[in-house]
């Protein structure tokens, strides 16, 4: 799911708002190899999402993900994604319902 990027959307602002409104573990991480930042929203070890900002494409991308590195390593990302897709889609919806009104953005 992609949201339109505007000036008020930053990682810090999104992390603050999501932490206040969702009962999940929210953390900001950096990929040292590819040098990008992302927010991890972790409902369980297998259900969660990543949030990335793409300034050149003017979008914020909500991505279904397995937030736990250990769970991904032991059980394989593709297999778990197949079985938990609907739960992860629900988490994406919850995140979008918080971000859209807070930052005045829309789904693109």
PDB file of N, CA and C in Angstrom:
ATOM      1  N   UNK A   1       0.855  -1.162   0.000  1.00  0.00           N
ATOM      2  CA  UNK A   1       0.000   0.000   0.000  1.00  0.00           C
ATOM      3  C   UNK A   1       0.903   1.228   0.000  1.00  0.00           C
ATOM      4  N   UNK A   2       0.593   2.181  -0.856  1.00  0.00           N
ATOM      5  CA  UNK A   2       1.377   3.408  -0.973  1.00  0.00           C
ATOM      6  C   UNK A   2       0.537   4.610  -0.559  1.00  0.00           C
ATOM      7  N   UNK A   3       1.153   5.497   0.210  1.00  0.00           N
ATOM      8  CA  UNK A   3       0.530   6.757   0.608  1.00  0.00           C
ATOM      9  C   UNK A   3       1.307   7.901  -0.014  1.00  0.00           C
ATOM     10  N   UNK A   4       0.614   8.987  -0.272  1.00  0.00           N
ATOM     11  CA  UNK A   4       1.264  10.164  -0.834  1.00  0.00           C
ATOM     12  C   UNK A   4       2.124  10.836   0.229  1.00  0.00           C
ATOM     13  N   UNK A   5       3.348  11.175  -0.132  1.00  0.00           N
ATOM     14  CA  UNK A   5       4.283  11.828   0.785  1.00  0.00           C
ATOM     15  C   UNK A   5       4.017  13.329   0.805  1.00  0.00           C
ATOM     16  N   UNK A   6       4.007  13.917   2.009  1.00  0.00           N
ATOM     17  CA  UNK A   6       3.940  15.374   2.127  1.00  0.00           C
ATOM     18  C   UNK A   6       4.985  15.841   3.134  1.00  0.00           C
ATOM     19  N   UNK A   7       5.102  17.160   3.325  1.00  0.00           N
ATOM     20  CA  UNK A   7       6.175  17.731   4.144  1.00  0.00           C
ATOM     21  C   UNK A   7       6.100  17.305   5.607  1.00  0.00           C
ATOM     22  N   UNK A   8       4.922  17.015   6.108  1.00  0.00           N
ATOM     23  CA  UNK A   8       4.764  16.704   7.529  1.00  0.00           C
ATOM     24  C   UNK A   8       5.137  15.258   7.869  1.00  0.00           C
ATOM     25  N   UNK A   9       5.333  14.429   6.875  1.00  0.00           N
ATOM     26  CA  UNK A   9       5.631  13.019   7.122  1.00  0.00           C
ATOM     27  C   UNK A   9       7.141  12.824   7.249  1.00  0.00           C
ATOM     28  N   UNK A  10       7.560  12.430   8.451  1.00  0.00           N
ATOM     29  CA  UNK A  10       8.944  12.058   8.720  1.00  0.00           C
ATOM     30  C   UNK A  10       8.926  10.753   9.517  1.00  0.00           C
ATOM     31  N   UNK A  11      10.059  10.103   9.584  1.00  0.00           N
ATOM     32  CA  UNK A  11      10.117   8.860  10.357  1.00  0.00           C
ATOM     33  C   UNK A  11       9.809   9.113  11.829  1.00  0.00           C
ATOM     34  N   UNK A  12      10.369  10.182  12.368  1.00  0.00           N
ATOM     35  CA  UNK A  12      10.158  10.486  13.781  1.00  0.00           C
ATOM     36  C   UNK A  12       8.693  10.784  14.077  1.00  0.00           C
ATOM     37  N   UNK A  13       8.047  11.550  13.213  1.00  0.00           N
ATOM     38  CA  UNK A  13       6.640  11.887  13.414  1.00  0.00           C
ATOM     39  C   UNK A  13       5.760  10.637  13.300  1.00  0.00           C
ATOM     40  N   UNK A  14       6.035   9.800  12.301  1.00  0.00           N
ATOM     41  CA  UNK A  14       5.245   8.574  12.149  1.00  0.00           C
ATOM     42  C   UNK A  14       5.454   7.643  13.335  1.00  0.00           C
ATOM     43  N   UNK A  15       6.695   7.513  13.790  1.00  0.00           N
ATOM     44  CA  UNK A  15       6.982   6.642  14.929  1.00  0.00           C
ATOM     45  C   UNK A  15       6.256   7.127  16.178  1.00  0.00           C
ATOM     46  N   UNK A  16       6.252   8.421  16.415  1.00  0.00           N
ATOM     47  CA  UNK A  16       5.578   8.988  17.577  1.00  0.00           C
ATOM     48  C   UNK A  16       4.077   8.730  17.526  1.00  0.00           C
ATOM     49  N   UNK A  17       3.455   9.016  16.390  1.00  0.00           N
ATOM     50  CA  UNK A  17       2.008   8.855  16.233  1.00  0.00           C
ATOM     51  C   UNK A  17       1.604   7.388  16.345  1.00  0.00           C
ATOM     52  N   UNK A  18       2.330   6.509  15.686  1.00  0.00           N
ATOM     53  CA  UNK A  18       1.994   5.081  15.735  1.00  0.00           C
ATOM     54  C   UNK A  18       2.178   4.520  17.140  1.00  0.00           C
ATOM     55  N   UNK A  19       3.207   4.954  17.844  1.00  0.00           N
ATOM     56  CA  UNK A  19       3.431   4.483  19.220  1.00  0.00           C
ATOM     57  C   UNK A  19       2.308   4.916  20.147  1.00  0.00           C
ATOM     58  N   UNK A  20       1.779   6.104  19.918  1.00  0.00           N
ATOM     59  CA  UNK A  20       0.690   6.615  20.753  1.00  0.00           C
ATOM     60  C   UNK A  20      -0.634   5.906  20.486  1.00  0.00           C
ATOM     61  N   UNK A  21      -0.866   5.522  19.234  1.00  0.00           N
ATOM     62  CA  UNK A  21      -2.196   5.043  18.850  1.00  0.00           C
ATOM     63  C   UNK A  21      -2.331   3.541  18.625  1.00  0.00           C
ATOM     64  N   UNK A  22      -1.227   2.844  18.476  1.00  0.00           N
ATOM     65  CA  UNK A  22      -1.304   1.399  18.240  1.00  0.00           C
ATOM     66  C   UNK A  22      -0.626   0.648  19.382  1.00  0.00           C
ATOM     67  N   UNK A  23      -1.169  -0.504  19.766  1.00  0.00           N
ATOM     68  CA  UNK A  23      -0.594  -1.260  20.883  1.00  0.00           C
ATOM     69  C   UNK A  23       0.547  -2.193  20.466  1.00  0.00           C
ATOM     70  N   UNK A  24       1.239  -1.865  19.393  1.00  0.00           N
ATOM     71  CA  UNK A  24       2.280  -2.729  18.864  1.00  0.00           C
ATOM     72  C   UNK A  24       3.658  -2.148  19.166  1.00  0.00           C
ATOM     73  N   UNK A  25       4.683  -2.965  18.975  1.00  0.00           N
ATOM     74  CA  UNK A  25       6.056  -2.510  19.127  1.00  0.00           C
ATOM     75  C   UNK A  25       6.448  -1.762  17.851  1.00  0.00           C
ATOM     76  N   UNK A  26       6.887  -0.519  18.013  1.00  0.00           N
ATOM     77  CA  UNK A  26       7.254   0.329  16.883  1.00  0.00           C
ATOM     78  C   UNK A  26       8.728   0.701  17.048  1.00  0.00           C
ATOM     79  N   UNK A  27       9.531   0.482  16.004  1.00  0.00           N
ATOM     80  CA  UNK A  27      10.944   0.846  16.104  1.00  0.00           C
ATOM     81  C   UNK A  27      11.457   1.349  14.760  1.00  0.00           C
ATOM     82  N   UNK A  28      12.433   2.247  14.831  1.00  0.00           N
ATOM     83  CA  UNK A  28      13.085   2.792  13.639  1.00  0.00           C
ATOM     84  C   UNK A  28      14.385   2.037  13.435  1.00  0.00           C
ATOM     85  N   UNK A  29      14.594   1.516  12.234  1.00  0.00           N
ATOM     86  CA  UNK A  29      15.805   0.750  11.938  1.00  0.00           C
ATOM     87  C   UNK A  29      16.476   1.304  10.696  1.00  0.00           C
ATOM     88  N   UNK A  30      17.756   0.945  10.545  1.00  0.00           N
ATOM     89  CA  UNK A  30      18.526   1.324   9.368  1.00  0.00           C
ATOM     90  C   UNK A  30      19.133   0.070   8.764  1.00  0.00           C
ATOM     91  N   UNK A  31      19.103  -0.009   7.448  1.00  0.00           N
ATOM     92  CA  UNK A  31      19.757  -1.092   6.735  1.00  0.00           C
ATOM     93  C   UNK A  31      21.183  -0.637   6.449  1.00  0.00           C
ATOM     94  N   UNK A  32      22.186  -1.263   7.074  1.00  0.00           N
ATOM     95  CA  UNK A  32      23.554  -0.772   6.899  1.00  0.00           C
ATOM     96  C   UNK A  32      24.130  -1.023   5.509  1.00  0.00           C
ATOM     97  N   UNK A  33      23.658  -2.045   4.830  1.00  0.00           N
ATOM     98  CA  UNK A  33      24.190  -2.343   3.505  1.00  0.00           C
ATOM     99  C   UNK A  33      23.603  -1.439   2.429  1.00  0.00           C
ATOM    100  N   UNK A  34      22.281  -1.316   2.412  1.00  0.00           N
ATOM    101  CA  UNK A  34      21.624  -0.530   1.372  1.00  0.00           C
ATOM    102  C   UNK A  34      21.383   0.917   1.787  1.00  0.00           C
ATOM    103  N   UNK A  35      21.663   1.233   3.045  1.00  0.00           N
ATOM    104  CA  UNK A  35      21.619   2.595   3.582  1.00  0.00           C
ATOM    105  C   UNK A  35      20.247   3.261   3.452  1.00  0.00           C
ATOM    106  N   UNK A  36      19.229   2.583   3.939  1.00  0.00           N
ATOM    107  CA  UNK A  36      17.913   3.211   4.011  1.00  0.00           C
ATOM    108  C   UNK A  36      17.330   2.984   5.392  1.00  0.00           C
ATOM    109  N   UNK A  37      16.429   3.877   5.790  1.00  0.00           N
ATOM    110  CA  UNK A  37      15.747   3.760   7.071  1.00  0.00           C
ATOM    111  C   UNK A  37      14.348   3.221   6.848  1.00  0.00           C
ATOM    112  N   UNK A  38      13.805   2.592   7.887  1.00  0.00           N
ATOM    113  CA  UNK A  38      12.437   2.102   7.823  1.00  0.00           C
ATOM    114  C   UNK A  38      11.913   1.918   9.232  1.00  0.00           C
ATOM    115  N   UNK A  39      10.601   1.971   9.355  1.00  0.00           N
ATOM    116  CA  UNK A  39       9.946   1.741  10.630  1.00  0.00           C
ATOM    117  C   UNK A  39       9.411   0.314  10.616  1.00  0.00           C
ATOM    118  N   UNK A  40       9.628  -0.395  11.718  1.00  0.00           N
ATOM    119  CA  UNK A  40       9.101  -1.744  11.873  1.00  0.00           C
ATOM    120  C   UNK A  40       7.935  -1.689  12.856  1.00  0.00           C
ATOM    121  N   UNK A  41       6.786  -2.161  12.407  1.00  0.00           N
ATOM    122  CA  UNK A  41       5.609  -2.288  13.261  1.00  0.00           C
ATOM    123  C   UNK A  41       5.440  -3.783  13.513  1.00  0.00           C
ATOM    124  N   UNK A  42       5.566  -4.190  14.787  1.00  0.00           N
ATOM    125  CA  UNK A  42       5.542  -5.604  15.124  1.00  0.00           C
ATOM    126  C   UNK A  42       4.346  -5.925  16.010  1.00  0.00           C
ATOM    127  N   UNK A  43       3.368  -6.608  15.429  1.00  0.00           N
ATOM    128  CA  UNK A  43       2.221  -7.085  16.209  1.00  0.00           C
ATOM    129  C   UNK A  43       2.609  -8.378  16.919  1.00  0.00           C
ATOM    130  N   UNK A  44       3.143  -9.326  16.169  1.00  0.00           N
ATOM    131  CA  UNK A  44       3.701 -10.566  16.716  1.00  0.00           C
ATOM    132  C   UNK A  44       5.027 -10.800  15.995  1.00  0.00           C
ATOM    133  N   UNK A  45       5.685 -11.895  16.298  1.00  0.00           N
ATOM    134  CA  UNK A  45       6.946 -12.207  15.622  1.00  0.00           C
ATOM    135  C   UNK A  45       6.745 -12.462  14.131  1.00  0.00           C
ATOM    136  N   UNK A  46       5.529 -12.882  13.758  1.00  0.00           N
ATOM    137  CA  UNK A  46       5.251 -13.216  12.360  1.00  0.00           C
ATOM    138  C   UNK A  46       4.375 -12.210  11.645  1.00  0.00           C
ATOM    139  N   UNK A  47       3.711 -11.326  12.353  1.00  0.00           N
ATOM    140  CA  UNK A  47       2.772 -10.379  11.742  1.00  0.00           C
ATOM    141  C   UNK A  47       3.230  -8.958  12.032  1.00  0.00           C
ATOM    142  N   UNK A  48       3.423  -8.207  10.961  1.00  0.00           N
ATOM    143  CA  UNK A  48       3.845  -6.831  11.115  1.00  0.00           C
ATOM    144  C   UNK A  48       3.984  -6.152   9.767  1.00  0.00           C
ATOM    145  N   UNK A  49       4.665  -5.012   9.790  1.00  0.00           N
ATOM    146  CA  UNK A  49       4.835  -4.229   8.565  1.00  0.00           C
ATOM    147  C   UNK A  49       6.104  -3.405   8.640  1.00  0.00           C
ATOM    148  N   UNK A  50       6.595  -3.028   7.474  1.00  0.00           N
ATOM    149  CA  UNK A  50       7.683  -2.069   7.351  1.00  0.00           C
ATOM    150  C   UNK A  50       7.105  -0.829   6.702  1.00  0.00           C
ATOM    151  N   UNK A  51       7.620   0.325   7.103  1.00  0.00           N
ATOM    152  CA  UNK A  51       7.205   1.589   6.497  1.00  0.00           C
ATOM    153  C   UNK A  51       8.453   2.269   5.962  1.00  0.00           C
ATOM    154  N   UNK A  52       8.459   2.535   4.663  1.00  0.00           N
ATOM    155  CA  UNK A  52       9.606   3.196   4.022  1.00  0.00           C
ATOM    156  C   UNK A  52       9.145   4.464   3.341  1.00  0.00           C
ATOM    157  N   UNK A  53      10.037   5.434   3.281  1.00  0.00           N
ATOM    158  CA  UNK A  53       9.773   6.691   2.580  1.00  0.00           C
ATOM    159  C   UNK A  53      10.628   6.711   1.319  1.00  0.00           C
ATOM    160  N   UNK A  54       9.979   7.011   0.188  1.00  0.00           N
ATOM    161  CA  UNK A  54      10.656   7.149  -1.090  1.00  0.00           C
ATOM    162  C   UNK A  54      10.460   8.582  -1.593  1.00  0.00           C
ATOM    163  N   UNK A  55      11.363   9.514  -1.238  1.00  0.00           N
ATOM    164  CA  UNK A  55      11.158  10.920  -1.606  1.00  0.00           C
ATOM    165  C   UNK A  55      11.150  11.174  -3.117  1.00  0.00           C
ATOM    166  N   UNK A  56      11.950  10.436  -3.878  1.00  0.00           N
ATOM    167  CA  UNK A  56      12.002  10.661  -5.326  1.00  0.00           C
ATOM    168  C   UNK A  56      10.695  10.274  -6.008  1.00  0.00           C
ATOM    169  N   UNK A  57       9.995   9.257  -5.468  1.00  0.00           N
ATOM    170  CA  UNK A  57       8.712   8.842  -6.022  1.00  0.00           C
ATOM    171  C   UNK A  57       7.544   9.492  -5.304  1.00  0.00           C
ATOM    172  N   UNK A  58       7.845  10.319  -4.294  1.00  0.00           N
ATOM    173  CA  UNK A  58       6.825  11.051  -3.540  1.00  0.00           C
ATOM    174  C   UNK A  58       5.803  10.106  -2.905  1.00  0.00           C
ATOM    175  N   UNK A  59       6.331   9.044  -2.229  1.00  0.00           N
ATOM    176  CA  UNK A  59       5.414   8.090  -1.616  1.00  0.00           C
ATOM    177  C   UNK A  59       5.984   7.530  -0.314  1.00  0.00           C
ATOM    178  N   UNK A  60       5.064   7.078   0.516  1.00  0.00           N
ATOM    179  CA  UNK A  60       5.367   6.324   1.722  1.00  0.00           C
ATOM    180  C   UNK A  60       4.805   4.938   1.476  1.00  0.00           C
ATOM    181  N   UNK A  61       5.635   3.923   1.584  1.00  0.00           N
ATOM    182  CA  UNK A  61       5.195   2.574   1.259  1.00  0.00           C
ATOM    183  C   UNK A  61       5.026   1.756   2.534  1.00  0.00           C
ATOM    184  N   UNK A  62       3.849   1.127   2.669  1.00  0.00           N
ATOM    185  CA  UNK A  62       3.552   0.200   3.758  1.00  0.00           C
ATOM    186  C   UNK A  62       3.703  -1.203   3.181  1.00  0.00           C
ATOM    187  N   UNK A  63       4.590  -1.993   3.781  1.00  0.00           N
ATOM    188  CA  UNK A  63       4.955  -3.288   3.227  1.00  0.00           C
ATOM    189  C   UNK A  63       4.651  -4.386   4.242  1.00  0.00           C
ATOM    190  N   UNK A  64       3.949  -5.442   3.807  1.00  0.00           N
ATOM    191  CA  UNK A  64       3.736  -6.598   4.676  1.00  0.00           C
ATOM    192  C   UNK A  64       5.091  -7.222   4.963  1.00  0.00           C
ATOM    193  N   UNK A  65       5.328  -7.558   6.244  1.00  0.00           N
ATOM    194  CA  UNK A  65       6.633  -8.109   6.594  1.00  0.00           C
ATOM    195  C   UNK A  65       6.538  -9.012   7.809  1.00  0.00           C
ATOM    196  N   UNK A  66       7.541  -9.858   7.932  1.00  0.00           N
ATOM    197  CA  UNK A  66       7.744 -10.644   9.143  1.00  0.00           C
ATOM    198  C   UNK A  66       8.765  -9.851   9.944  1.00  0.00           C
ATOM    199  N   UNK A  67       8.349  -9.196  11.023  1.00  0.00           N
ATOM    200  CA  UNK A  67       9.237  -8.259  11.703  1.00  0.00           C
ATOM    201  C   UNK A  67      10.403  -8.890  12.454  1.00  0.00           C
ATOM    202  N   UNK A  68      10.281 -10.115  12.877  1.00  0.00           N
ATOM    203  CA  UNK A  68      11.347 -10.759  13.644  1.00  0.00           C
ATOM    204  C   UNK A  68      12.375 -11.388  12.708  1.00  0.00           C
ATOM    205  N   UNK A  69      13.627 -10.995  12.862  1.00  0.00           N
ATOM    206  CA  UNK A  69      14.694 -11.572  12.039  1.00  0.00           C
ATOM    207  C   UNK A  69      14.841 -13.069  12.298  1.00  0.00           C
ATOM    208  N   UNK A  70      14.691 -13.465  13.544  1.00  0.00           N
ATOM    209  CA  UNK A  70      14.825 -14.881  13.901  1.00  0.00           C
ATOM    210  C   UNK A  70      13.702 -15.705  13.271  1.00  0.00           C
ATOM    211  N   UNK A  71      12.477 -15.200  13.320  1.00  0.00           N
ATOM    212  CA  UNK A  71      11.348 -15.914  12.716  1.00  0.00           C
ATOM    213  C   UNK A  71      11.541 -16.050  11.208  1.00  0.00           C
ATOM    214  N   UNK A  72      12.035 -14.989  10.558  1.00  0.00           N
ATOM    215  CA  UNK A  72      12.292 -15.048   9.116  1.00  0.00           C
ATOM    216  C   UNK A  72      13.368 -16.074   8.799  1.00  0.00           C
ATOM    217  N   UNK A  73      14.410 -16.130   9.628  1.00  0.00           N
ATOM    218  CA  UNK A  73      15.522 -17.041   9.368  1.00  0.00           C
ATOM    219  C   UNK A  73      15.114 -18.506   9.556  1.00  0.00           C
ATOM    220  N   UNK A  74      14.346 -18.787  10.607  1.00  0.00           N
ATOM    221  CA  UNK A  74      13.994 -20.172  10.889  1.00  0.00           C
ATOM    222  C   UNK A  74      12.857 -20.710  10.030  1.00  0.00           C
ATOM    223  N   UNK A  75      11.869 -19.888   9.742  1.00  0.00           N
ATOM    224  CA  UNK A  75      10.672 -20.396   9.084  1.00  0.00           C
ATOM    225  C   UNK A  75      10.539 -20.002   7.626  1.00  0.00           C
ATOM    226  N   UNK A  76      11.379 -19.124   7.150  1.00  0.00           N
ATOM    227  CA  UNK A  76      11.320 -18.732   5.758  1.00  0.00           C
ATOM    228  C   UNK A  76      10.234 -17.717   5.492  1.00  0.00           C
ATOM    229  N   UNK A  77      10.595 -16.621   4.926  1.00  0.00           N
ATOM    230  CA  UNK A  77       9.663 -15.522   4.707  1.00  0.00           C
ATOM    231  C   UNK A  77       8.498 -15.840   3.808  1.00  0.00           C
ATOM    232  N   UNK A  78       8.739 -16.520   2.704  1.00  0.00           N
ATOM    233  CA  UNK A  78       7.664 -16.761   1.739  1.00  0.00           C
ATOM    234  C   UNK A  78       6.599 -17.697   2.288  1.00  0.00           C
ATOM    235  N   UNK A  79       6.999 -18.729   2.986  1.00  0.00           N
ATOM    236  CA  UNK A  79       6.026 -19.694   3.508  1.00  0.00           C
ATOM    237  C   UNK A  79       5.104 -19.030   4.524  1.00  0.00           C
ATOM    238  N   UNK A  80       5.686 -18.278   5.440  1.00  0.00           N
ATOM    239  CA  UNK A  80       4.889 -17.623   6.476  1.00  0.00           C
ATOM    240  C   UNK A  80       4.004 -16.541   5.877  1.00  0.00           C
ATOM    241  N   UNK A  81       4.514 -15.798   4.895  1.00  0.00           N
ATOM    242  CA  UNK A  81       3.701 -14.760   4.258  1.00  0.00           C
ATOM    243  C   UNK A  81       2.444 -15.330   3.625  1.00  0.00           C
ATOM    244  N   UNK A  82       2.536 -16.527   3.075  1.00  0.00           N
ATOM    245  CA  UNK A  82       1.362 -17.150   2.461  1.00  0.00           C
ATOM    246  C   UNK A  82       0.268 -17.430   3.486  1.00  0.00           C
ATOM    247  N   UNK A  83       0.653 -17.892   4.667  1.00  0.00           N
ATOM    248  CA  UNK A  83      -0.329 -18.262   5.677  1.00  0.00           C
ATOM    249  C   UNK A  83      -0.840 -17.083   6.485  1.00  0.00           C
ATOM    250  N   UNK A  84      -0.067 -16.016   6.585  1.00  0.00           N
ATOM    251  CA  UNK A  84      -0.441 -14.888   7.432  1.00  0.00           C
ATOM    252  C   UNK A  84      -0.761 -13.616   6.652  1.00  0.00           C
ATOM    253  N   UNK A  85      -1.004 -13.744   5.376  1.00  0.00           N
ATOM    254  CA  UNK A  85      -1.241 -12.585   4.535  1.00  0.00           C
ATOM    255  C   UNK A  85      -2.437 -11.749   4.998  1.00  0.00           C
ATOM    256  N   UNK A  86      -3.524 -12.379   5.388  1.00  0.00           N
ATOM    257  CA  UNK A  86      -4.710 -11.621   5.800  1.00  0.00           C
ATOM    258  C   UNK A  86      -4.463 -10.884   7.111  1.00  0.00           C
ATOM    259  N   UNK A  87      -3.730 -11.485   8.037  1.00  0.00           N
ATOM    260  CA  UNK A  87      -3.401 -10.804   9.302  1.00  0.00           C
ATOM    261  C   UNK A  87      -2.487  -9.614   9.040  1.00  0.00           C
ATOM    262  N   UNK A  88      -1.542  -9.769   8.125  1.00  0.00           N
ATOM    263  CA  UNK A  88      -0.646  -8.665   7.802  1.00  0.00           C
ATOM    264  C   UNK A  88      -1.382  -7.546   7.061  1.00  0.00           C
ATOM    265  N   UNK A  89      -2.323  -7.917   6.218  1.00  0.00           N
ATOM    266  CA  UNK A  89      -3.131  -6.920   5.517  1.00  0.00           C
ATOM    267  C   UNK A  89      -3.943  -6.100   6.521  1.00  0.00           C
ATOM    268  N   UNK A  90      -4.440  -6.747   7.581  1.00  0.00           N
ATOM    269  CA  UNK A  90      -5.188  -6.041   8.624  1.00  0.00           C
ATOM    270  C   UNK A  90      -4.302  -5.043   9.360  1.00  0.00           C
ATOM    271  N   UNK A  91      -3.048  -5.402   9.593  1.00  0.00           N
ATOM    272  CA  UNK A  91      -2.114  -4.477  10.242  1.00  0.00           C
ATOM    273  C   UNK A  91      -1.848  -3.276   9.334  1.00  0.00           C
ATOM    274  N   UNK A  92      -1.688  -3.509   8.033  1.00  0.00           N
ATOM    275  CA  UNK A  92      -1.500  -2.401   7.095  1.00  0.00           C
ATOM    276  C   UNK A  92      -2.693  -1.451   7.123  1.00  0.00           C
ATOM    277  N   UNK A  93      -3.895  -2.003   7.195  1.00  0.00           N
ATOM    278  CA  UNK A  93      -5.101  -1.172   7.269  1.00  0.00           C
ATOM    279  C   UNK A  93      -5.122  -0.329   8.543  1.00  0.00           C
ATOM    280  N   UNK A  94      -4.752  -0.942   9.672  1.00  0.00           N
ATOM    281  CA  UNK A  94      -4.711  -0.202  10.936  1.00  0.00           C
ATOM    282  C   UNK A  94      -3.716   0.951  10.858  1.00  0.00           C
ATOM    283  N   UNK A  95      -2.544   0.686  10.280  1.00  0.00           N
ATOM    284  CA  UNK A  95      -1.521   1.724  10.145  1.00  0.00           C
ATOM    285  C   UNK A  95      -2.028   2.845   9.255  1.00  0.00           C
ATOM    286  N   UNK A  96      -2.627   2.501   8.125  1.00  0.00           N
ATOM    287  CA  UNK A  96      -3.116   3.535   7.203  1.00  0.00           C
ATOM    288  C   UNK A  96      -4.237   4.353   7.827  1.00  0.00           C
ATOM    289  N   UNK A  97      -5.096   3.724   8.651  1.00  0.00           N
ATOM    290  CA  UNK A  97      -6.176   4.453   9.308  1.00  0.00           C
ATOM    291  C   UNK A  97      -5.647   5.438  10.341  1.00  0.00           C
ATOM    292  N   UNK A  98      -4.428   5.233  10.825  1.00  0.00           N
ATOM    293  CA  UNK A  98      -3.803   6.191  11.737  1.00  0.00           C
ATOM    294  C   UNK A  98      -3.086   7.291  10.952  1.00  0.00           C
ATOM    295  N   UNK A  99      -2.324   6.909   9.930  1.00  0.00           N
ATOM    296  CA  UNK A  99      -1.484   7.878   9.208  1.00  0.00           C
ATOM    297  C   UNK A  99      -2.270   8.826   8.300  1.00  0.00           C
ATOM    298  N   UNK A 100      -3.296   8.330   7.640  1.00  0.00           N
ATOM    299  CA  UNK A 100      -4.028   9.159   6.665  1.00  0.00           C
ATOM    300  C   UNK A 100      -4.653  10.383   7.324  1.00  0.00           C
ATOM    301  N   UNK A 101      -5.446  10.257   8.381  1.00  0.00           N
ATOM    302  CA  UNK A 101      -6.009  11.476   8.972  1.00  0.00           C
ATOM    303  C   UNK A 101      -4.967  12.335   9.701  1.00  0.00           C
ATOM    304  N   UNK A 102      -3.970  11.708  10.307  1.00  0.00           N
ATOM    305  CA  UNK A 102      -2.977  12.457  11.081  1.00  0.00           C
ATOM    306  C   UNK A 102      -2.125  13.355  10.194  1.00  0.00           C
ATOM    307  N   UNK A 103      -1.728  12.857   9.033  1.00  0.00           N
ATOM    308  CA  UNK A 103      -0.826  13.612   8.150  1.00  0.00           C
ATOM    309  C   UNK A 103      -1.514  14.192   6.928  1.00  0.00           C
ATOM    310  N   UNK A 104      -2.819  13.998   6.795  1.00  0.00           N
ATOM    311  CA  UNK A 104      -3.548  14.560   5.656  1.00  0.00           C
ATOM    312  C   UNK A 104      -3.082  14.015   4.328  1.00  0.00           C
ATOM    313  N   UNK A 105      -2.798  12.740   4.280  1.00  0.00           N
ATOM    314  CA  UNK A 105      -2.339  12.118   3.054  1.00  0.00           C
ATOM    315  C   UNK A 105      -3.438  11.244   2.470  1.00  0.00           C
ATOM    316  N   UNK A 106      -3.156  10.574   1.375  1.00  0.00           N
ATOM    317  CA  UNK A 106      -4.140   9.688   0.748  1.00  0.00           C
ATOM    318  C   UNK A 106      -3.448   8.496   0.127  1.00  0.00           C
ATOM    319  N   UNK A 107      -4.204   7.456  -0.142  1.00  0.00           N
ATOM    320  CA  UNK A 107      -3.683   6.256  -0.790  1.00  0.00           C
ATOM    321  C   UNK A 107      -3.474   6.559  -2.266  1.00  0.00           C
ATOM    322  N   UNK A 108      -2.327   6.154  -2.802  1.00  0.00           N
ATOM    323  CA  UNK A 108      -2.080   6.343  -4.244  1.00  0.00           C
ATOM    324  C   UNK A 108      -1.912   4.997  -4.918  1.00  0.00           C
TER     325      UNK A 108
END
